[in-house]
């Protein structure tokens, strides 16, 4: 796979402490550290990046975003936080 494959520590350096399953899923994408940073930036500021004229993320970056960003279509259960 070459030197582009991320290590667990590199993934944590970008995302902070995350679930081991998330780390495994990210590693399986074969994405580079740069792609992970880009995905993380998109999650935090997608509208700002689009407004800057940035190209939409590539396939691997889009997959990372899918892994990192929980689906929004799941309705929250009212009163679940009690």
N, C-alpha and C. Protein backbone atom coordinates (compact mmCIF):
# COMPACT_ATOMS: atom_id res chain seq x y z
N UNK A 1 0.81 -1.20 0.00
CA UNK A 1 0.00 0.00 0.00
C UNK A 1 0.86 1.27 0.00
N UNK A 2 2.14 1.14 0.33
CA UNK A 2 3.00 2.32 0.32
C UNK A 2 2.85 3.15 1.58
N UNK A 3 3.51 4.31 1.56
CA UNK A 3 3.55 5.15 2.76
C UNK A 3 2.30 6.01 2.91
N UNK A 4 1.38 5.95 1.95
CA UNK A 4 0.19 6.79 2.02
C UNK A 4 -0.82 6.30 3.04
N UNK A 5 -0.77 5.01 3.39
CA UNK A 5 -1.75 4.48 4.32
C UNK A 5 -1.54 5.07 5.71
N UNK A 6 -2.62 5.51 6.31
CA UNK A 6 -2.52 6.18 7.61
C UNK A 6 -2.34 5.19 8.75
N UNK A 7 -1.63 5.65 9.75
CA UNK A 7 -1.53 4.86 10.98
C UNK A 7 -2.65 5.28 11.92
N UNK A 8 -2.88 4.45 12.92
CA UNK A 8 -3.89 4.74 13.93
C UNK A 8 -3.61 6.11 14.59
N UNK A 9 -2.34 6.36 14.90
CA UNK A 9 -1.98 7.62 15.56
C UNK A 9 -2.23 8.82 14.66
N UNK A 10 -2.01 8.67 13.36
CA UNK A 10 -2.28 9.77 12.44
C UNK A 10 -3.77 10.07 12.39
N UNK A 11 -4.59 9.04 12.35
CA UNK A 11 -6.04 9.22 12.33
C UNK A 11 -6.49 9.96 13.58
N UNK A 12 -5.97 9.53 14.74
CA UNK A 12 -6.33 10.18 16.01
C UNK A 12 -5.81 11.62 16.05
N UNK A 13 -4.67 11.88 15.41
CA UNK A 13 -4.12 13.24 15.41
C UNK A 13 -5.04 14.21 14.68
N UNK A 14 -5.81 13.71 13.73
CA UNK A 14 -6.75 14.57 13.00
C UNK A 14 -8.10 14.63 13.71
N UNK A 15 -8.60 13.47 14.12
CA UNK A 15 -9.97 13.39 14.64
C UNK A 15 -10.10 13.52 16.15
N UNK A 16 -9.00 13.31 16.86
CA UNK A 16 -9.10 13.21 18.31
C UNK A 16 -9.52 11.79 18.65
N UNK A 17 -9.85 11.53 19.91
CA UNK A 17 -10.21 10.17 20.31
C UNK A 17 -11.50 9.73 19.61
N UNK A 18 -11.42 8.66 18.86
CA UNK A 18 -12.60 8.12 18.18
C UNK A 18 -12.67 6.62 18.41
N UNK A 19 -13.82 6.08 18.14
CA UNK A 19 -14.07 4.66 18.30
C UNK A 19 -13.13 3.83 17.43
N UNK A 20 -12.68 2.69 17.95
CA UNK A 20 -11.78 1.81 17.19
C UNK A 20 -12.41 1.38 15.87
N UNK A 21 -13.72 1.18 15.85
CA UNK A 21 -14.41 0.78 14.62
C UNK A 21 -14.30 1.87 13.57
N UNK A 22 -14.38 3.12 14.00
CA UNK A 22 -14.24 4.25 13.07
C UNK A 22 -12.82 4.27 12.51
N UNK A 23 -11.84 4.07 13.37
CA UNK A 23 -10.44 4.03 12.93
C UNK A 23 -10.25 2.92 11.90
N UNK A 24 -10.82 1.76 12.16
CA UNK A 24 -10.69 0.63 11.23
C UNK A 24 -11.35 0.96 9.90
N UNK A 25 -12.56 1.53 9.95
CA UNK A 25 -13.27 1.88 8.72
C UNK A 25 -12.48 2.88 7.89
N UNK A 26 -11.89 3.86 8.56
CA UNK A 26 -11.10 4.88 7.87
C UNK A 26 -9.86 4.25 7.25
N UNK A 27 -9.18 3.39 8.00
CA UNK A 27 -7.98 2.72 7.48
C UNK A 27 -8.32 1.88 6.24
N UNK A 28 -9.48 1.25 6.26
CA UNK A 28 -9.89 0.40 5.13
C UNK A 28 -10.15 1.17 3.84
N UNK A 29 -10.41 2.46 3.94
CA UNK A 29 -10.66 3.24 2.73
C UNK A 29 -9.39 3.40 1.91
N UNK A 30 -8.24 3.23 2.57
CA UNK A 30 -6.97 3.43 1.87
C UNK A 30 -6.65 4.90 1.64
N UNK A 31 -7.41 5.77 2.30
CA UNK A 31 -7.21 7.20 2.11
C UNK A 31 -5.90 7.66 2.76
N UNK A 32 -5.39 8.77 2.28
CA UNK A 32 -4.18 9.36 2.84
C UNK A 32 -4.55 10.30 3.98
N UNK A 33 -3.54 10.69 4.74
CA UNK A 33 -3.75 11.64 5.84
C UNK A 33 -4.30 12.96 5.30
N UNK A 34 -3.82 13.38 4.15
CA UNK A 34 -4.30 14.61 3.53
C UNK A 34 -5.79 14.50 3.18
N UNK A 35 -6.20 13.34 2.69
CA UNK A 35 -7.62 13.13 2.36
C UNK A 35 -8.48 13.16 3.62
N UNK A 36 -7.96 12.60 4.71
CA UNK A 36 -8.70 12.63 5.97
C UNK A 36 -8.85 14.07 6.46
N UNK A 37 -7.77 14.84 6.36
CA UNK A 37 -7.85 16.25 6.77
C UNK A 37 -8.88 17.00 5.94
N UNK A 38 -8.91 16.70 4.64
CA UNK A 38 -9.87 17.36 3.75
C UNK A 38 -11.30 16.98 4.13
N UNK A 39 -11.53 15.69 4.41
CA UNK A 39 -12.86 15.23 4.81
C UNK A 39 -13.30 15.93 6.09
N UNK A 40 -12.37 16.03 7.04
CA UNK A 40 -12.67 16.66 8.32
C UNK A 40 -13.01 18.14 8.12
N UNK A 41 -12.29 18.80 7.20
CA UNK A 41 -12.57 20.20 6.90
C UNK A 41 -13.96 20.35 6.27
N UNK A 42 -14.33 19.43 5.39
CA UNK A 42 -15.64 19.49 4.75
C UNK A 42 -16.75 19.34 5.78
N UNK A 43 -16.57 18.45 6.74
CA UNK A 43 -17.61 18.25 7.76
C UNK A 43 -17.79 19.53 8.58
N UNK A 44 -16.68 20.17 8.89
CA UNK A 44 -16.75 21.36 9.73
C UNK A 44 -17.24 22.60 9.01
N UNK A 45 -17.01 22.68 7.70
CA UNK A 45 -17.31 23.92 7.01
C UNK A 45 -17.63 23.71 5.54
N UNK A 46 -18.54 22.79 5.24
CA UNK A 46 -18.80 22.48 3.84
C UNK A 46 -19.29 23.69 3.05
N UNK A 47 -20.16 24.50 3.62
CA UNK A 47 -20.66 25.67 2.89
C UNK A 47 -19.55 26.67 2.62
N UNK A 48 -18.68 26.87 3.59
CA UNK A 48 -17.58 27.81 3.41
C UNK A 48 -16.65 27.34 2.29
N UNK A 49 -16.37 26.05 2.23
CA UNK A 49 -15.48 25.53 1.20
C UNK A 49 -16.12 25.64 -0.18
N UNK A 50 -17.40 25.37 -0.27
CA UNK A 50 -18.10 25.50 -1.55
C UNK A 50 -18.09 26.96 -1.98
N UNK A 51 -18.33 27.86 -1.03
CA UNK A 51 -18.35 29.30 -1.34
C UNK A 51 -16.97 29.80 -1.80
N UNK A 52 -15.92 29.11 -1.34
CA UNK A 52 -14.56 29.46 -1.76
C UNK A 52 -14.29 28.97 -3.18
N UNK A 53 -15.21 28.18 -3.71
CA UNK A 53 -15.01 27.63 -5.04
C UNK A 53 -14.23 26.33 -5.05
N UNK A 54 -14.07 25.74 -3.88
CA UNK A 54 -13.36 24.45 -3.80
C UNK A 54 -14.15 23.38 -4.55
N UNK A 55 -13.44 22.48 -5.18
CA UNK A 55 -14.08 21.37 -5.88
C UNK A 55 -14.73 20.46 -4.86
N UNK A 56 -15.79 19.78 -5.26
CA UNK A 56 -16.43 18.83 -4.36
C UNK A 56 -15.43 17.72 -4.05
N UNK A 57 -15.56 17.09 -2.87
CA UNK A 57 -14.57 16.07 -2.49
C UNK A 57 -14.58 14.88 -3.44
N UNK A 58 -13.42 14.26 -3.59
CA UNK A 58 -13.28 13.06 -4.41
C UNK A 58 -13.93 11.86 -3.74
N UNK A 59 -13.88 10.72 -4.40
CA UNK A 59 -14.58 9.52 -3.92
C UNK A 59 -14.10 9.06 -2.55
N UNK A 60 -12.78 9.03 -2.33
CA UNK A 60 -12.28 8.56 -1.03
C UNK A 60 -12.61 9.55 0.07
N UNK A 61 -12.51 10.84 -0.24
CA UNK A 61 -12.85 11.86 0.75
C UNK A 61 -14.34 11.78 1.07
N UNK A 62 -15.17 11.58 0.06
CA UNK A 62 -16.61 11.45 0.28
C UNK A 62 -16.92 10.24 1.17
N UNK A 63 -16.19 9.14 0.97
CA UNK A 63 -16.37 7.94 1.80
C UNK A 63 -15.99 8.25 3.25
N UNK A 64 -14.91 8.99 3.45
CA UNK A 64 -14.49 9.37 4.81
C UNK A 64 -15.56 10.22 5.47
N UNK A 65 -16.13 11.17 4.71
CA UNK A 65 -17.17 12.02 5.25
C UNK A 65 -18.36 11.16 5.69
N UNK A 66 -18.70 10.18 4.85
CA UNK A 66 -19.80 9.27 5.16
C UNK A 66 -19.55 8.52 6.48
N UNK A 67 -18.30 8.10 6.69
CA UNK A 67 -17.94 7.38 7.91
C UNK A 67 -18.01 8.31 9.13
N UNK A 68 -17.52 9.53 8.96
CA UNK A 68 -17.38 10.45 10.08
C UNK A 68 -18.66 11.18 10.46
N UNK A 69 -19.51 11.40 9.47
CA UNK A 69 -20.69 12.22 9.74
C UNK A 69 -21.92 11.31 9.88
N UNK A 70 -22.51 11.28 11.07
CA UNK A 70 -23.68 10.42 11.24
C UNK A 70 -24.82 10.88 10.36
N UNK A 71 -25.62 9.95 9.85
CA UNK A 71 -26.73 10.34 8.98
C UNK A 71 -27.69 11.27 9.70
N UNK A 72 -28.15 12.28 9.00
CA UNK A 72 -29.04 13.26 9.62
C UNK A 72 -30.49 12.86 9.54
N UNK A 73 -30.78 11.82 8.76
CA UNK A 73 -32.18 11.46 8.56
C UNK A 73 -32.76 10.60 9.68
N UNK A 74 -31.94 10.25 10.68
CA UNK A 74 -32.44 9.47 11.79
C UNK A 74 -33.13 10.41 12.78
N UNK A 75 -34.43 10.26 12.97
CA UNK A 75 -35.12 11.16 13.90
C UNK A 75 -34.65 10.92 15.34
N UNK A 76 -34.44 11.98 16.06
CA UNK A 76 -34.04 11.83 17.46
C UNK A 76 -35.26 11.47 18.30
N UNK A 77 -35.05 10.59 19.23
CA UNK A 77 -36.15 10.18 20.09
C UNK A 77 -36.36 11.26 21.16
N UNK A 78 -37.56 11.84 21.19
CA UNK A 78 -37.81 12.86 22.20
C UNK A 78 -37.66 12.29 23.61
N UNK A 79 -37.00 13.04 24.47
CA UNK A 79 -36.86 12.60 25.85
C UNK A 79 -35.77 11.56 26.04
N UNK A 80 -34.97 11.28 25.03
CA UNK A 80 -33.93 10.25 25.15
C UNK A 80 -32.81 10.67 26.10
N UNK A 81 -32.67 11.96 26.31
CA UNK A 81 -31.57 12.45 27.14
C UNK A 81 -31.92 12.47 28.64
N UNK A 82 -33.10 12.08 29.00
CA UNK A 82 -33.51 12.17 30.42
C UNK A 82 -32.76 11.20 31.28
